[in-house]
Amino acid sequence: YQIYIVTYRGHDGKSLEVTKKYLHDHDIPYDKIIGGTNEKGKIAKEYNMQLFIDDKSMIIKQMIDYNIPYIKMWKEQDNNIKYNVAHNWDEVMEKLHERGI
């Protein structure tokens, strides 16, 4: 599998570089980073992503619209999505294992 990071960071022309540095400094692997967009559903479809993880309900609704499988990271202030929710990265890993990933 490949790991793509899709983020709104970068819309200002600066913050994407800060994000890349953070990922590098913390040894967080990824294959591609796509910045400057909130049209994550469109990007997920364009890149034929097999699964999308996000913490915002509006982004998960895009995944539903584009028929992209998702895992919703739970956060108290945005808990409108009740299905396929993970409360932490251990739960994400459990869900990935359930999918055979």
PDB file of N, CA and C in Angstrom:
ATOM      1  N   TYR A   1       0.819  -1.190   0.000  1.00  0.00           N
ATOM      2  CA  TYR A   1       0.000   0.000   0.000  1.00  0.00           C
ATOM      3  C   TYR A   1       0.866   1.259   0.000  1.00  0.00           C
ATOM      4  N   GLN A   2       0.314   2.312  -0.541  1.00  0.00           N
ATOM      5  CA  GLN A   2       0.979   3.608  -0.509  1.00  0.00           C
ATOM      6  C   GLN A   2       0.223   4.527   0.449  1.00  0.00           C
ATOM      7  N   ILE A   3       0.963   5.409   1.088  1.00  0.00           N
ATOM      8  CA  ILE A   3       0.366   6.370   2.007  1.00  0.00           C
ATOM      9  C   ILE A   3       0.423   7.751   1.362  1.00  0.00           C
ATOM     10  N   TYR A   4      -0.759   8.300   1.114  1.00  0.00           N
ATOM     11  CA  TYR A   4      -0.887   9.656   0.590  1.00  0.00           C
ATOM     12  C   TYR A   4      -1.453  10.528   1.703  1.00  0.00           C
ATOM     13  N   ILE A   5      -0.888  11.702   1.863  1.00  0.00           N
ATOM     14  CA  ILE A   5      -1.413  12.668   2.819  1.00  0.00           C
ATOM     15  C   ILE A   5      -2.056  13.787   2.009  1.00  0.00           C
ATOM     16  N   VAL A   6      -3.347  14.015   2.272  1.00  0.00           N
ATOM     17  CA  VAL A   6      -4.090  15.077   1.587  1.00  0.00           C
ATOM     18  C   VAL A   6      -4.475  16.083   2.656  1.00  0.00           C
ATOM     19  N   THR A   7      -4.046  17.327   2.467  1.00  0.00           N
ATOM     20  CA  THR A   7      -4.216  18.325   3.514  1.00  0.00           C
ATOM     21  C   THR A   7      -4.563  19.690   2.936  1.00  0.00           C
ATOM     22  N   TYR A   8      -5.252  20.461   3.729  1.00  0.00           N
ATOM     23  CA  TYR A   8      -5.531  21.848   3.370  1.00  0.00           C
ATOM     24  C   TYR A   8      -4.275  22.703   3.526  1.00  0.00           C
ATOM     25  N   ARG A   9      -3.356  22.236   4.354  1.00  0.00           N
ATOM     26  CA  ARG A   9      -2.106  22.984   4.539  1.00  0.00           C
ATOM     27  C   ARG A   9      -1.443  23.177   3.174  1.00  0.00           C
ATOM     28  N   GLY A  10      -0.898  24.348   2.994  1.00  0.00           N
ATOM     29  CA  GLY A  10      -0.277  24.658   1.714  1.00  0.00           C
ATOM     30  C   GLY A  10      -1.066  25.673   0.922  1.00  0.00           C
ATOM     31  N   HIS A  11      -2.307  25.913   1.328  1.00  0.00           N
ATOM     32  CA  HIS A  11      -3.129  26.903   0.631  1.00  0.00           C
ATOM     33  C   HIS A  11      -2.512  28.298   0.728  1.00  0.00           C
ATOM     34  N   ASP A  12      -1.670  28.496   1.749  1.00  0.00           N
ATOM     35  CA  ASP A  12      -1.034  29.795   1.957  1.00  0.00           C
ATOM     36  C   ASP A  12       0.361  29.878   1.347  1.00  0.00           C
ATOM     37  N   GLY A  13       0.813  28.786   0.736  1.00  0.00           N
ATOM     38  CA  GLY A  13       2.127  28.771   0.115  1.00  0.00           C
ATOM     39  C   GLY A  13       3.273  28.503   1.067  1.00  0.00           C
ATOM     40  N   LYS A  14       2.989  28.355   2.368  1.00  0.00           N
ATOM     41  CA  LYS A  14       4.061  28.165   3.351  1.00  0.00           C
ATOM     42  C   LYS A  14       3.887  26.913   4.210  1.00  0.00           C
ATOM     43  N   SER A  15       2.696  26.705   4.716  1.00  0.00           N
ATOM     44  CA  SER A  15       2.484  25.707   5.770  1.00  0.00           C
ATOM     45  C   SER A  15       2.757  24.275   5.317  1.00  0.00           C
ATOM     46  N   LEU A  16       2.708  24.008   4.035  1.00  0.00           N
ATOM     47  CA  LEU A  16       2.982  22.643   3.571  1.00  0.00           C
ATOM     48  C   LEU A  16       4.439  22.270   3.847  1.00  0.00           C
ATOM     49  N   GLU A  17       5.341  23.205   3.693  1.00  0.00           N
ATOM     50  CA  GLU A  17       6.751  22.932   3.978  1.00  0.00           C
ATOM     51  C   GLU A  17       6.962  22.644   5.465  1.00  0.00           C
ATOM     52  N   VAL A  18       6.240  23.341   6.322  1.00  0.00           N
ATOM     53  CA  VAL A  18       6.310  23.079   7.768  1.00  0.00           C
ATOM     54  C   VAL A  18       5.825  21.660   8.052  1.00  0.00           C
ATOM     55  N   THR A  19       4.748  21.261   7.387  1.00  0.00           N
ATOM     56  CA  THR A  19       4.209  19.909   7.559  1.00  0.00           C
ATOM     57  C   THR A  19       5.208  18.858   7.094  1.00  0.00           C
ATOM     58  N   LYS A  20       5.799  19.065   5.938  1.00  0.00           N
ATOM     59  CA  LYS A  20       6.802  18.111   5.419  1.00  0.00           C
ATOM     60  C   LYS A  20       7.978  17.990   6.388  1.00  0.00           C
ATOM     61  N   LYS A  21       8.419  19.108   6.941  1.00  0.00           N
ATOM     62  CA  LYS A  21       9.529  19.078   7.900  1.00  0.00           C
ATOM     63  C   LYS A  21       9.133  18.296   9.151  1.00  0.00           C
ATOM     64  N   TYR A  22       7.915  18.521   9.642  1.00  0.00           N
ATOM     65  CA  TYR A  22       7.441  17.794  10.820  1.00  0.00           C
ATOM     66  C   TYR A  22       7.439  16.283  10.547  1.00  0.00           C
ATOM     67  N   LEU A  23       6.894  15.893   9.412  1.00  0.00           N
ATOM     68  CA  LEU A  23       6.843  14.471   9.066  1.00  0.00           C
ATOM     69  C   LEU A  23       8.254  13.890   8.986  1.00  0.00           C
ATOM     70  N   HIS A  24       9.165  14.611   8.364  1.00  0.00           N
ATOM     71  CA  HIS A  24      10.549  14.156   8.245  1.00  0.00           C
ATOM     72  C   HIS A  24      11.209  14.058   9.619  1.00  0.00           C
ATOM     73  N   ASP A  25      11.068  15.100  10.424  1.00  0.00           N
ATOM     74  CA  ASP A  25      11.710  15.138  11.743  1.00  0.00           C
ATOM     75  C   ASP A  25      11.205  14.039  12.667  1.00  0.00           C
ATOM     76  N   HIS A  26       9.954  13.587  12.445  1.00  0.00           N
ATOM     77  CA  HIS A  26       9.374  12.547  13.303  1.00  0.00           C
ATOM     78  C   HIS A  26       9.331  11.180  12.625  1.00  0.00           C
ATOM     79  N   ASP A  27      10.073  11.052  11.537  1.00  0.00           N
ATOM     80  CA  ASP A  27      10.175   9.771  10.814  1.00  0.00           C
ATOM     81  C   ASP A  27       8.817   9.178  10.473  1.00  0.00           C
ATOM     82  N   ILE A  28       7.905  10.015  10.034  1.00  0.00           N
ATOM     83  CA  ILE A  28       6.576   9.542   9.625  1.00  0.00           C
ATOM     84  C   ILE A  28       6.619   9.305   8.118  1.00  0.00           C
ATOM     85  N   PRO A  29       6.490   8.058   7.709  1.00  0.00           N
ATOM     86  CA  PRO A  29       6.623   7.749   6.280  1.00  0.00           C
ATOM     87  C   PRO A  29       5.363   8.098   5.493  1.00  0.00           C
ATOM     88  N   TYR A  30       5.565   8.486   4.256  1.00  0.00           N
ATOM     89  CA  TYR A  30       4.464   8.696   3.322  1.00  0.00           C
ATOM     90  C   TYR A  30       5.038   8.640   1.915  1.00  0.00           C
ATOM     91  N   ASP A  31       4.176   8.364   0.960  1.00  0.00           N
ATOM     92  CA  ASP A  31       4.606   8.274  -0.434  1.00  0.00           C
ATOM     93  C   ASP A  31       4.381   9.566  -1.205  1.00  0.00           C
ATOM     94  N   LYS A  32       3.323  10.294  -0.853  1.00  0.00           N
ATOM     95  CA  LYS A  32       2.998  11.526  -1.561  1.00  0.00           C
ATOM     96  C   LYS A  32       2.206  12.419  -0.631  1.00  0.00           C
ATOM     97  N   ILE A  33       2.447  13.731  -0.728  1.00  0.00           N
ATOM     98  CA  ILE A  33       1.646  14.690   0.020  1.00  0.00           C
ATOM     99  C   ILE A  33       1.025  15.660  -0.979  1.00  0.00           C
ATOM    100  N   ILE A  34      -0.277  15.854  -0.825  1.00  0.00           N
ATOM    101  CA  ILE A  34      -1.042  16.739  -1.705  1.00  0.00           C
ATOM    102  C   ILE A  34      -1.624  17.822  -0.819  1.00  0.00           C
ATOM    103  N   GLY A  35      -1.218  19.056  -1.050  1.00  0.00           N
ATOM    104  CA  GLY A  35      -1.632  20.141  -0.171  1.00  0.00           C
ATOM    105  C   GLY A  35      -2.456  21.197  -0.865  1.00  0.00           C
ATOM    106  N   GLY A  36      -3.070  22.026  -0.030  1.00  0.00           N
ATOM    107  CA  GLY A  36      -3.783  23.190  -0.521  1.00  0.00           C
ATOM    108  C   GLY A  36      -5.197  22.939  -0.980  1.00  0.00           C
ATOM    109  N   THR A  37      -5.814  21.846  -0.523  1.00  0.00           N
ATOM    110  CA  THR A  37      -7.172  21.548  -0.977  1.00  0.00           C
ATOM    111  C   THR A  37      -8.041  21.003   0.144  1.00  0.00           C
ATOM    112  N   ASN A  38      -9.314  21.367   0.120  1.00  0.00           N
ATOM    113  CA  ASN A  38     -10.319  20.745   0.976  1.00  0.00           C
ATOM    114  C   ASN A  38     -11.217  19.839   0.150  1.00  0.00           C
ATOM    115  N   GLU A  39     -10.926  19.700  -1.138  1.00  0.00           N
ATOM    116  CA  GLU A  39     -11.677  18.794  -2.010  1.00  0.00           C
ATOM    117  C   GLU A  39     -11.048  17.406  -1.947  1.00  0.00           C
ATOM    118  N   LYS A  40     -11.016  16.876  -0.750  1.00  0.00           N
ATOM    119  CA  LYS A  40     -10.321  15.612  -0.522  1.00  0.00           C
ATOM    120  C   LYS A  40     -11.024  14.429  -1.182  1.00  0.00           C
ATOM    121  N   GLY A  41     -12.350  14.484  -1.280  1.00  0.00           N
ATOM    122  CA  GLY A  41     -13.079  13.411  -1.953  1.00  0.00           C
ATOM    123  C   GLY A  41     -12.702  13.320  -3.415  1.00  0.00           C
ATOM    124  N   LYS A  42     -12.620  14.451  -4.066  1.00  0.00           N
ATOM    125  CA  LYS A  42     -12.229  14.506  -5.478  1.00  0.00           C
ATOM    126  C   LYS A  42     -10.807  13.958  -5.659  1.00  0.00           C
ATOM    127  N   ILE A  43      -9.898  14.349  -4.786  1.00  0.00           N
ATOM    128  CA  ILE A  43      -8.515  13.857  -4.846  1.00  0.00           C
ATOM    129  C   ILE A  43      -8.479  12.353  -4.611  1.00  0.00           C
ATOM    130  N   ALA A  44      -9.222  11.884  -3.605  1.00  0.00           N
ATOM    131  CA  ALA A  44      -9.249  10.448  -3.305  1.00  0.00           C
ATOM    132  C   ALA A  44      -9.732   9.646  -4.509  1.00  0.00           C
ATOM    133  N   LYS A  45     -10.745  10.145  -5.182  1.00  0.00           N
ATOM    134  CA  LYS A  45     -11.265   9.464  -6.371  1.00  0.00           C
ATOM    135  C   LYS A  45     -10.237   9.505  -7.499  1.00  0.00           C
ATOM    136  N   GLU A  46      -9.643  10.674  -7.721  1.00  0.00           N
ATOM    137  CA  GLU A  46      -8.659  10.855  -8.793  1.00  0.00           C
ATOM    138  C   GLU A  46      -7.468   9.909  -8.627  1.00  0.00           C
ATOM    139  N   TYR A  47      -7.026   9.700  -7.384  1.00  0.00           N
ATOM    140  CA  TYR A  47      -5.885   8.835  -7.116  1.00  0.00           C
ATOM    141  C   TYR A  47      -6.296   7.395  -6.788  1.00  0.00           C
ATOM    142  N   ASN A  48      -7.581   7.095  -6.940  1.00  0.00           N
ATOM    143  CA  ASN A  48      -8.100   5.749  -6.703  1.00  0.00           C
ATOM    144  C   ASN A  48      -7.707   5.217  -5.316  1.00  0.00           C
ATOM    145  N   MET A  49      -7.880   6.051  -4.305  1.00  0.00           N
ATOM    146  CA  MET A  49      -7.518   5.660  -2.948  1.00  0.00           C
ATOM    147  C   MET A  49      -8.471   4.585  -2.449  1.00  0.00           C
ATOM    148  N   GLN A  50      -7.915   3.611  -1.786  1.00  0.00           N
ATOM    149  CA  GLN A  50      -8.680   2.467  -1.296  1.00  0.00           C
ATOM    150  C   GLN A  50      -9.280   2.699   0.084  1.00  0.00           C
ATOM    151  N   LEU A  51      -8.763   3.702   0.804  1.00  0.00           N
ATOM    152  CA  LEU A  51      -9.238   4.007   2.152  1.00  0.00           C
ATOM    153  C   LEU A  51      -8.785   5.415   2.503  1.00  0.00           C
ATOM    154  N   PHE A  52      -9.635   6.157   3.212  1.00  0.00           N
ATOM    155  CA  PHE A  52      -9.313   7.524   3.602  1.00  0.00           C
ATOM    156  C   PHE A  52      -9.573   7.682   5.090  1.00  0.00           C
ATOM    157  N   ILE A  53      -8.644   8.307   5.793  1.00  0.00           N
ATOM    158  CA  ILE A  53      -8.783   8.549   7.223  1.00  0.00           C
ATOM    159  C   ILE A  53      -8.800  10.056   7.436  1.00  0.00           C
ATOM    160  N   ASP A  54      -9.807  10.546   8.143  1.00  0.00           N
ATOM    161  CA  ASP A  54      -9.896  11.978   8.426  1.00  0.00           C
ATOM    162  C   ASP A  54     -10.693  12.175   9.708  1.00  0.00           C
ATOM    163  N   ASP A  55     -10.549  13.366  10.307  1.00  0.00           N
ATOM    164  CA  ASP A  55     -11.266  13.645  11.558  1.00  0.00           C
ATOM    165  C   ASP A  55     -12.410  14.627  11.372  1.00  0.00           C
ATOM    166  N   LYS A  56     -12.672  15.059  10.147  1.00  0.00           N
ATOM    167  CA  LYS A  56     -13.741  16.034   9.916  1.00  0.00           C
ATOM    168  C   LYS A  56     -14.923  15.383   9.202  1.00  0.00           C
ATOM    169  N   SER A  57     -16.104  15.589   9.764  1.00  0.00           N
ATOM    170  CA  SER A  57     -17.318  15.013   9.177  1.00  0.00           C
ATOM    171  C   SER A  57     -17.545  15.496   7.754  1.00  0.00           C
ATOM    172  N   MET A  58     -17.245  16.770   7.472  1.00  0.00           N
ATOM    173  CA  MET A  58     -17.479  17.278   6.110  1.00  0.00           C
ATOM    174  C   MET A  58     -16.603  16.551   5.088  1.00  0.00           C
ATOM    175  N   ILE A  59     -15.414  16.135   5.495  1.00  0.00           N
ATOM    176  CA  ILE A  59     -14.538  15.382   4.591  1.00  0.00           C
ATOM    177  C   ILE A  59     -15.046  13.953   4.442  1.00  0.00           C
ATOM    178  N   ILE A  60     -15.496  13.354   5.533  1.00  0.00           N
ATOM    179  CA  ILE A  60     -16.045  11.991   5.466  1.00  0.00           C
ATOM    180  C   ILE A  60     -17.285  11.983   4.569  1.00  0.00           C
ATOM    181  N   LYS A  61     -18.096  13.022   4.627  1.00  0.00           N
ATOM    182  CA  LYS A  61     -19.266  13.099   3.741  1.00  0.00           C
ATOM    183  C   LYS A  61     -18.834  13.131   2.281  1.00  0.00           C
ATOM    184  N   GLN A  62     -17.704  13.775   1.984  1.00  0.00           N
ATOM    185  CA  GLN A  62     -17.172  13.733   0.621  1.00  0.00           C
ATOM    186  C   GLN A  62     -16.809  12.304   0.230  1.00  0.00           C
ATOM    187  N   MET A  63     -16.197  11.561   1.158  1.00  0.00           N
ATOM    188  CA  MET A  63     -15.824  10.171   0.872  1.00  0.00           C
ATOM    189  C   MET A  63     -17.071   9.337   0.587  1.00  0.00           C
ATOM    190  N   ILE A  64     -18.116   9.569   1.358  1.00  0.00           N
ATOM    191  CA  ILE A  64     -19.374   8.861   1.131  1.00  0.00           C
ATOM    192  C   ILE A  64     -19.914   9.206  -0.250  1.00  0.00           C
ATOM    193  N   ASP A  65     -19.888  10.490  -0.615  1.00  0.00           N
ATOM    194  CA  ASP A  65     -20.367  10.921  -1.935  1.00  0.00           C
ATOM    195  C   ASP A  65     -19.578  10.277  -3.070  1.00  0.00           C
ATOM    196  N   TYR A  66     -18.281  10.094  -2.876  1.00  0.00           N
ATOM    197  CA  TYR A  66     -17.418   9.501  -3.906  1.00  0.00           C
ATOM    198  C   TYR A  66     -17.265   7.990  -3.744  1.00  0.00           C
ATOM    199  N   ASN A  67     -17.982   7.430  -2.766  1.00  0.00           N
ATOM    200  CA  ASN A  67     -17.946   5.987  -2.522  1.00  0.00           C
ATOM    201  C   ASN A  67     -16.531   5.481  -2.193  1.00  0.00           C
ATOM    202  N   ILE A  68     -15.830   6.249  -1.363  1.00  0.00           N
ATOM    203  CA  ILE A  68     -14.488   5.888  -0.916  1.00  0.00           C
ATOM    204  C   ILE A  68     -14.594   5.353   0.513  1.00  0.00           C
ATOM    205  N   PRO A  69     -14.101   4.154   0.781  1.00  0.00           N
ATOM    206  CA  PRO A  69     -14.101   3.648   2.157  1.00  0.00           C
ATOM    207  C   PRO A  69     -13.315   4.595   3.068  1.00  0.00           C
ATOM    208  N   TYR A  70     -13.752   4.706   4.316  1.00  0.00           N
ATOM    209  CA  TYR A  70     -13.144   5.672   5.222  1.00  0.00           C
ATOM    210  C   TYR A  70     -13.090   5.132   6.640  1.00  0.00           C
ATOM    211  N   ILE A  71     -12.240   5.780   7.426  1.00  0.00           N
ATOM    212  CA  ILE A  71     -12.251   5.655   8.878  1.00  0.00           C
ATOM    213  C   ILE A  71     -12.316   7.082   9.401  1.00  0.00           C
ATOM    214  N   LYS A  72     -13.284   7.342  10.250  1.00  0.00           N
ATOM    215  CA  LYS A  72     -13.449   8.679  10.840  1.00  0.00           C
ATOM    216  C   LYS A  72     -12.769   8.694  12.192  1.00  0.00           C
ATOM    217  N   MET A  73     -11.782   9.584  12.346  1.00  0.00           N
ATOM    218  CA  MET A  73     -11.156   9.766  13.652  1.00  0.00           C
ATOM    219  C   MET A  73     -12.111  10.582  14.517  1.00  0.00           C
ATOM    220  N   TRP A  74     -12.416  10.059  15.677  1.00  0.00           N
ATOM    221  CA  TRP A  74     -13.367  10.710  16.572  1.00  0.00           C
ATOM    222  C   TRP A  74     -12.741  11.948  17.190  1.00  0.00           C
ATOM    223  N   LYS A  75     -13.523  13.004  17.268  1.00  0.00           N
ATOM    224  CA  LYS A  75     -13.152  14.157  18.088  1.00  0.00           C
ATOM    225  C   LYS A  75     -14.438  14.740  18.652  1.00  0.00           C
ATOM    226  N   GLU A  76     -14.361  15.151  19.892  1.00  0.00           N
ATOM    227  CA  GLU A  76     -15.553  15.548  20.641  1.00  0.00           C
ATOM    228  C   GLU A  76     -16.350  16.648  19.951  1.00  0.00           C
ATOM    229  N   GLN A  77     -15.679  17.638  19.384  1.00  0.00           N
ATOM    230  CA  GLN A  77     -16.390  18.763  18.790  1.00  0.00           C
ATOM    231  C   GLN A  77     -16.929  18.472  17.390  1.00  0.00           C
ATOM    232  N   ASP A  78     -16.640  17.299  16.832  1.00  0.00           N
ATOM    233  CA  ASP A  78     -17.125  16.952  15.491  1.00  0.00           C
ATOM    234  C   ASP A  78     -17.438  15.462  15.465  1.00  0.00           C
ATOM    235  N   ASN A  79     -18.567  15.102  16.045  1.00  0.00           N
ATOM    236  CA  ASN A  79     -18.904  13.676  16.151  1.00  0.00           C
ATOM    237  C   ASN A  79     -20.220  13.348  15.458  1.00  0.00           C
ATOM    238  N   ASN A  80     -20.472  13.983  14.304  1.00  0.00           N
ATOM    239  CA  ASN A  80     -21.706  13.742  13.555  1.00  0.00           C
ATOM    240  C   ASN A  80     -21.726  12.380  12.873  1.00  0.00           C
ATOM    241  N   ILE A  81     -20.560  11.880  12.501  1.00  0.00           N
ATOM    242  CA  ILE A  81     -20.469  10.571  11.851  1.00  0.00           C
ATOM    243  C   ILE A  81     -20.345   9.520  12.955  1.00  0.00           C
ATOM    244  N   LYS A  82     -21.232   8.538  12.933  1.00  0.00           N
ATOM    245  CA  LYS A  82     -21.244   7.534  13.999  1.00  0.00           C
ATOM    246  C   LYS A  82     -20.721   6.171  13.542  1.00  0.00           C
ATOM    247  N   TYR A  83     -20.585   5.973  12.224  1.00  0.00           N
ATOM    248  CA  TYR A  83     -20.190   4.678  11.680  1.00  0.00           C
ATOM    249  C   TYR A  83     -18.704   4.681  11.324  1.00  0.00           C
ATOM    250  N   ASN A  84     -18.038   3.587  11.610  1.00  0.00           N
ATOM    251  CA  ASN A  84     -16.632   3.386  11.261  1.00  0.00           C
ATOM    252  C   ASN A  84     -15.730   4.463  11.861  1.00  0.00           C
ATOM    253  N   VAL A  85     -15.898   4.665  13.164  1.00  0.00           N
ATOM    254  CA  VAL A  85     -15.159   5.681  13.899  1.00  0.00           C
ATOM    255  C   VAL A  85     -14.051   5.013  14.710  1.00  0.00           C
ATOM    256  N   ALA A  86     -12.881   5.657  14.727  1.00  0.00           N
ATOM    257  CA  ALA A  86     -11.770   5.213  15.564  1.00  0.00           C
ATOM    258  C   ALA A  86     -11.441   6.332  16.540  1.00  0.00           C
ATOM    259  N   HIS A  87     -11.152   5.953  17.772  1.00  0.00           N
ATOM    260  CA  HIS A  87     -10.852   6.943  18.801  1.00  0.00           C
ATOM    261  C   HIS A  87      -9.352   7.210  18.928  1.00  0.00           C
ATOM    262  N   ASN A  88      -8.531   6.339  18.341  1.00  0.00           N
ATOM    263  CA  ASN A  88      -7.081   6.507  18.410  1.00  0.00           C
ATOM    264  C   ASN A  88      -6.441   5.657  17.302  1.00  0.00           C
ATOM    265  N   TRP A  89      -5.127   5.757  17.171  1.00  0.00           N
ATOM    266  CA  TRP A  89      -4.447   5.044  16.077  1.00  0.00           C
ATOM    267  C   TRP A  89      -4.420   3.541  16.300  1.00  0.00           C
ATOM    268  N   ASP A  90      -4.498   3.082  17.549  1.00  0.00           N
ATOM    269  CA  ASP A  90      -4.603   1.639  17.790  1.00  0.00           C
ATOM    270  C   ASP A  90      -5.911   1.103  17.198  1.00  0.00           C
ATOM    271  N   GLU A  91      -6.990   1.849  17.373  1.00  0.00           N
ATOM    272  CA  GLU A  91      -8.272   1.430  16.791  1.00  0.00           C
ATOM    273  C   GLU A  91      -8.226   1.487  15.264  1.00  0.00           C
ATOM    274  N   VAL A  92      -7.507   2.449  14.721  1.00  0.00           N
ATOM    275  CA  VAL A  92      -7.333   2.483  13.261  1.00  0.00           C
ATOM    276  C   VAL A  92      -6.659   1.194  12.803  1.00  0.00           C
ATOM    277  N   MET A  93      -5.602   0.808  13.501  1.00  0.00           N
ATOM    278  CA  MET A  93      -4.885  -0.422  13.137  1.00  0.00           C
ATOM    279  C   MET A  93      -5.803  -1.644  13.227  1.00  0.00           C
ATOM    280  N   GLU A  94      -6.643  -1.706  14.251  1.00  0.00           N
ATOM    281  CA  GLU A  94      -7.603  -2.805  14.373  1.00  0.00           C
ATOM    282  C   GLU A  94      -8.526  -2.848  13.156  1.00  0.00           C
ATOM    283  N   LYS A  95      -9.022  -1.681  12.767  1.00  0.00           N
ATOM    284  CA  LYS A  95      -9.923  -1.608  11.614  1.00  0.00           C
ATOM    285  C   LYS A  95      -9.204  -2.008  10.326  1.00  0.00           C
ATOM    286  N   LEU A  96      -7.948  -1.628  10.199  1.00  0.00           N
ATOM    287  CA  LEU A  96      -7.173  -2.030   9.031  1.00  0.00           C
ATOM    288  C   LEU A  96      -6.977  -3.543   9.004  1.00  0.00           C
ATOM    289  N   HIS A  97      -6.677  -4.128  10.159  1.00  0.00           N
ATOM    290  CA  HIS A  97      -6.519  -5.580  10.234  1.00  0.00           C
ATOM    291  C   HIS A  97      -7.828  -6.305   9.911  1.00  0.00           C
ATOM    292  N   GLU A  98      -8.954  -5.737  10.356  1.00  0.00           N
ATOM    293  CA  GLU A  98     -10.254  -6.323  10.021  1.00  0.00           C
ATOM    294  C   GLU A  98     -10.476  -6.346   8.516  1.00  0.00           C
ATOM    295  N   ARG A  99      -9.921  -5.357   7.817  1.00  0.00           N
ATOM    296  CA  ARG A  99     -10.041  -5.287   6.352  1.00  0.00           C
ATOM    297  C   ARG A  99      -8.986  -6.127   5.639  1.00  0.00           C
ATOM    298  N   GLY A 100      -8.097  -6.740   6.407  1.00  0.00           N
ATOM    299  CA  GLY A 100      -7.036  -7.543   5.800  1.00  0.00           C
ATOM    300  C   GLY A 100      -5.865  -6.696   5.312  1.00  0.00           C
ATOM    301  N   ILE A 101      -5.758  -5.514   5.842  1.00  0.00           N
ATOM    302  CA  ILE A 101      -4.670  -4.617   5.429  1.00  0.00           C
ATOM    303  C   ILE A 101      -3.565  -4.675   6.453  1.00  0.00           C
TER     304      ILE A 101
END
